[in-house]
Amino acid sequence: MSLRITKPGLQTTIQDGGRPGNLRWGLARGGAADTFAMALGNLLLGNPASHPCLEVAVTGPEIEFTCDVSIAVTGARFDLTLNEQATANDRVIAVHPGDRLRFGALKSGARAYIALAGHIELPPILGSLSTHVIAGFGGLQGRPLQAGDRISLRQCRQESARQLPPAYRLDYSTRPLLRVVTGLEAQHFSDDTLARFYQGGFTVSPQSNRMGIRLAGEPLPVEGIPQQVSSALCPGTVQVPPNGLPIISFVEGQTIGGYPRIAHVISADLHRLGQLTASARLDFEVVDQHAAHRILAGKSRLLAELPSLL
């Protein structure tokens, strides 16, 4: 039982919930860039939310299956076909030996997730199968999948036909709004500079990767900002380097940094970073910590309620 990569796409990797709890050792969490989309596909198949799956980035793969198994595709929208017949996101898809799943043109978002009603047969590293692309470990030989790669599966099963309820079908066609809380060094920036930052209007630089999302646009003034002692970073930390163009720490980001931290993307919105494409425009909205906790609790409740709705 296996799946075979006939065309790899731009960056197709094995991902799961990553390796949380290792920041103090200098290891980023890694894992899926959009944990919410990954969770939706897994829950649709009756898996745990962070069950290992395939993450597809920007240009999708073509995959041939050698077993009977159910899959689900969530996250970014592609022109998706199974054996050259159109299929769609957010539903259980039954595949059989010889079937080919193909990702065509990207329609919205940046990353899709192929959840599997089965287990990927690979050894975990630090409790995870996720591919850490920057460090080069985990997944299959620590790298994106290549044409000809075969991924062994076990305990494959088929699930009954069902779809995500309409409220759970993600839409990435609108301009993203990222909610943030104030950063530890925000007081070093003038009120005018903070206002400009919160007004947003930045675009995502093509130099972005899984380590950090670099923003392009009109630089923020940094004259007079005192030098910083290198301090802790976590996914979502927004730093302002000497060129005045913010960098958002991403899933494989460094764990310390020396640039002033102007803001932090709230935990509930971190998954939205995984759907940003190059040149996408985005905005920021500042919220307080109470609101950040309330929003996160709401999204957690949505996921907890989903199995009862299927």
Foldseek 3Di string as FASTA:
>chain_A
DWKAWQAQWDFKFKFFQAQPPCLVVFFFRAGAQQLLFQQLFQLQLVHHSGAIWIKHFQTHTKMFDQAWAKKAKAFWWFQKDKQNHGDGHFKIDTDGHGIMIHGHHTDAFTMMIIGIQWHWPDDDDNPTQGQLQVVQDHTPRNGGDHHGDMTDTPPGDGDDIDGFPPVSHDDGPDQAEFEWAFFPQQVLADPVLLVVQQAFFWFFAPPDDQQKTWTDDDARDDPPRDWFDKDFDHQFFWFQDPRRTIIGGHRRHTGIDTGGGGIGGQPLCSSVVNGGDGGRTYHYHYDHPVVSVVSNVVSVVVSVCRSVVD
